[in-house]
Amino acid sequence: MTASSASSRKKELVEWQVNPPAGFKHKVTDNLQRWVIEVNGAPGTLYAGETYQLQVDFPEHYPMEAPQVIFVPPAPLHPHIYSNGHICLGLISRALSNLEAFCEI
């Protein structure tokens, strides 16, 4: 990881810790390239009261390359989450493709 990349990641981490999205919490580690995020199940859903962990691995060329995000086992039971914690992004990819096509109109 380059010095500028590390500096940028530190700023992102501080922002995340100061102002996290609702239901998400960063678990503090010394590794800037791998974050572990606790996710609380949304109220009123099948996942309410449950806590899961996401592992976010940032590649060398982040942000030009997307981080890999997986659930740390045990992953929630969901049709778009594989048993190994990997998330099926097919629906998101199709939505983005449709949006890009729509924007070209």
C-alpha atoms as a PDB file:
ATOM      1  CA  MET A   1       0.000   0.000   0.000  1.00  0.00           C
ATOM      2  CA  THR A   2       1.391   3.383  -0.978  1.00  0.00           C
ATOM      3  CA  ALA A   3       1.756   6.196   1.549  1.00  0.00           C
ATOM      4  CA  SER A   4      -0.971   8.283  -0.113  1.00  0.00           C
ATOM      5  CA  SER A   5      -3.281   5.254  -0.232  1.00  0.00           C
ATOM      6  CA  ALA A   6      -2.657   4.580   3.471  1.00  0.00           C
ATOM      7  CA  SER A   7      -3.345   8.222   4.318  1.00  0.00           C
ATOM      8  CA  SER A   8      -6.573   8.168   2.305  1.00  0.00           C
ATOM      9  CA  ARG A   9      -7.680   4.917   3.954  1.00  0.00           C
ATOM     10  CA  LYS A  10      -6.971   6.357   7.420  1.00  0.00           C
ATOM     11  CA  LYS A  11      -9.183   9.357   6.622  1.00  0.00           C
ATOM     12  CA  GLU A  12     -11.970   7.042   5.430  1.00  0.00           C
ATOM     13  CA  LEU A  13     -11.640   4.944   8.570  1.00  0.00           C
ATOM     14  CA  VAL A  14     -11.823   7.982  10.859  1.00  0.00           C
ATOM     15  CA  GLU A  15     -14.924   9.188   8.993  1.00  0.00           C
ATOM     16  CA  TRP A  16     -16.473   5.715   9.293  1.00  0.00           C
ATOM     17  CA  GLN A  17     -15.772   5.593  13.038  1.00  0.00           C
ATOM     18  CA  VAL A  18     -17.072   9.115  13.673  1.00  0.00           C
ATOM     19  CA  ASN A  19     -20.147   8.838  11.450  1.00  0.00           C
ATOM     20  CA  PRO A  20     -20.958   5.172  10.724  1.00  0.00           C
ATOM     21  CA  PRO A  21     -24.037   4.134   8.770  1.00  0.00           C
ATOM     22  CA  ALA A  22     -26.923   3.093  11.048  1.00  0.00           C
ATOM     23  CA  GLY A  23     -26.540  -0.519  12.194  1.00  0.00           C
ATOM     24  CA  PHE A  24     -22.848  -0.773  11.241  1.00  0.00           C
ATOM     25  CA  LYS A  25     -19.774  -0.645  13.493  1.00  0.00           C
ATOM     26  CA  HIS A  26     -16.084  -0.957  12.613  1.00  0.00           C
ATOM     27  CA  LYS A  27     -14.164  -3.410  14.784  1.00  0.00           C
ATOM     28  CA  VAL A  28     -10.825  -1.765  15.540  1.00  0.00           C
ATOM     29  CA  THR A  29      -7.716  -3.504  14.176  1.00  0.00           C
ATOM     30  CA  ASP A  30      -4.269  -2.339  13.058  1.00  0.00           C
ATOM     31  CA  ASN A  31      -4.828  -3.536   9.491  1.00  0.00           C
ATOM     32  CA  LEU A  32      -5.880  -0.726   7.121  1.00  0.00           C
ATOM     33  CA  GLN A  33      -6.256  -3.148   4.195  1.00  0.00           C
ATOM     34  CA  ARG A  34      -8.763  -5.402   5.981  1.00  0.00           C
ATOM     35  CA  TRP A  35     -11.660  -3.974   7.919  1.00  0.00           C
ATOM     36  CA  VAL A  36     -14.115  -6.007   9.944  1.00  0.00           C
ATOM     37  CA  ILE A  37     -17.564  -4.451  10.188  1.00  0.00           C
ATOM     38  CA  GLU A  38     -20.312  -5.545  12.576  1.00  0.00           C
ATOM     39  CA  VAL A  39     -23.758  -5.425  10.995  1.00  0.00           C
ATOM     40  CA  ASN A  40     -26.938  -5.464  13.063  1.00  0.00           C
ATOM     41  CA  GLY A  41     -30.013  -7.029  11.489  1.00  0.00           C
ATOM     42  CA  ALA A  42     -32.572  -4.397  10.535  1.00  0.00           C
ATOM     43  CA  PRO A  43     -35.579  -4.072  12.867  1.00  0.00           C
ATOM     44  CA  GLY A  44     -38.758  -5.641  11.582  1.00  0.00           C
ATOM     45  CA  THR A  45     -36.911  -8.152   9.393  1.00  0.00           C
ATOM     46  CA  LEU A  46     -36.030 -11.803   9.689  1.00  0.00           C
ATOM     47  CA  TYR A  47     -32.538 -10.627  10.740  1.00  0.00           C
ATOM     48  CA  ALA A  48     -33.645  -8.346  13.610  1.00  0.00           C
ATOM     49  CA  GLY A  49     -31.622  -8.966  16.757  1.00  0.00           C
ATOM     50  CA  GLU A  50     -28.875 -10.762  14.825  1.00  0.00           C
ATOM     51  CA  THR A  51     -25.308  -9.483  14.475  1.00  0.00           C
ATOM     52  CA  TYR A  52     -23.111 -10.433  11.530  1.00  0.00           C
ATOM     53  CA  GLN A  53     -19.576  -9.555  10.513  1.00  0.00           C
ATOM     54  CA  LEU A  54     -18.414  -8.329   7.126  1.00  0.00           C
ATOM     55  CA  GLN A  55     -14.795  -8.573   6.092  1.00  0.00           C
ATOM     56  CA  VAL A  56     -13.724  -5.815   3.702  1.00  0.00           C
ATOM     57  CA  ASP A  57     -10.419  -6.393   1.870  1.00  0.00           C
ATOM     58  CA  PHE A  58      -9.058  -3.353   0.053  1.00  0.00           C
ATOM     59  CA  PRO A  59      -6.931  -4.086  -3.026  1.00  0.00           C
ATOM     60  CA  GLU A  60      -3.578  -2.443  -3.766  1.00  0.00           C
ATOM     61  CA  HIS A  61      -5.157  -0.072  -6.302  1.00  0.00           C
ATOM     62  CA  TYR A  62      -8.174   1.013  -4.257  1.00  0.00           C
ATOM     63  CA  PRO A  63     -10.252   3.098  -5.088  1.00  0.00           C
ATOM     64  CA  MET A  64      -9.627   2.260  -8.746  1.00  0.00           C
ATOM     65  CA  GLU A  65     -10.442  -1.362  -7.836  1.00  0.00           C
ATOM     66  CA  ALA A  66     -13.387  -2.239  -5.615  1.00  0.00           C
ATOM     67  CA  PRO A  67     -12.832  -3.904  -2.249  1.00  0.00           C
ATOM     68  CA  GLN A  68     -13.935  -7.489  -1.737  1.00  0.00           C
ATOM     69  CA  VAL A  69     -16.719  -7.757   0.835  1.00  0.00           C
ATOM     70  CA  ILE A  70     -17.743 -11.082   2.368  1.00  0.00           C
ATOM     71  CA  PHE A  71     -19.665 -12.192   5.430  1.00  0.00           C
ATOM     72  CA  VAL A  72     -17.506 -13.886   8.047  1.00  0.00           C
ATOM     73  CA  PRO A  73     -19.131 -17.254   8.851  1.00  0.00           C
ATOM     74  CA  PRO A  74     -21.747 -17.829   9.956  1.00  0.00           C
ATOM     75  CA  ALA A  75     -23.311 -15.834   7.125  1.00  0.00           C
ATOM     76  CA  PRO A  76     -27.000 -14.959   7.227  1.00  0.00           C
ATOM     77  CA  LEU A  77     -29.328 -17.258   5.332  1.00  0.00           C
ATOM     78  CA  HIS A  78     -30.297 -15.296   2.240  1.00  0.00           C
ATOM     79  CA  PRO A  79     -30.737 -16.282  -1.421  1.00  0.00           C
ATOM     80  CA  HIS A  80     -28.019 -13.809  -2.483  1.00  0.00           C
ATOM     81  CA  ILE A  81     -25.412 -14.826   0.106  1.00  0.00           C
ATOM     82  CA  TYR A  82     -23.494 -18.041  -0.478  1.00  0.00           C
ATOM     83  CA  SER A  83     -22.687 -20.388   2.412  1.00  0.00           C
ATOM     84  CA  ASN A  84     -19.007 -19.301   2.265  1.00  0.00           C
ATOM     85  CA  GLY A  85     -20.069 -15.683   2.946  1.00  0.00           C
ATOM     86  CA  HIS A  86     -19.610 -14.374  -0.597  1.00  0.00           C
ATOM     87  CA  ILE A  87     -22.323 -12.036  -1.789  1.00  0.00           C
ATOM     88  CA  CYS A  88     -23.986 -12.599  -5.169  1.00  0.00           C
ATOM     89  CA  LEU A  89     -23.802  -9.288  -6.964  1.00  0.00           C
ATOM     90  CA  GLY A  90     -25.724 -10.333 -10.078  1.00  0.00           C
ATOM     91  CA  LEU A  91     -28.818  -8.284  -9.211  1.00  0.00           C
ATOM     92  CA  ILE A  92     -26.749  -5.198  -8.465  1.00  0.00           C
ATOM     93  CA  SER A  93     -24.788  -5.616 -11.689  1.00  0.00           C
ATOM     94  CA  ARG A  94     -28.004  -5.910 -13.709  1.00  0.00           C
ATOM     95  CA  ALA A  95     -29.437  -2.832 -11.985  1.00  0.00           C
ATOM     96  CA  LEU A  96     -26.318  -0.817 -12.788  1.00  0.00           C
ATOM     97  CA  SER A  97     -26.378  -2.027 -16.384  1.00  0.00           C
ATOM     98  CA  ASN A  98     -29.986  -0.933 -16.734  1.00  0.00           C
ATOM     99  CA  LEU A  99     -29.243   2.404 -15.138  1.00  0.00           C
ATOM    100  CA  GLU A 100     -26.295   3.038 -17.462  1.00  0.00           C
ATOM    101  CA  ALA A 101     -28.442   2.136 -20.470  1.00  0.00           C
ATOM    102  CA  PHE A 102     -31.234   4.374 -19.204  1.00  0.00           C
ATOM    103  CA  CYS A 103     -28.810   7.299 -18.733  1.00  0.00           C
ATOM    104  CA  GLU A 104     -27.622   6.937 -22.316  1.00  0.00           C
ATOM    105  CA  ILE A 105     -31.131   7.600 -23.643  1.00  0.00           C
END
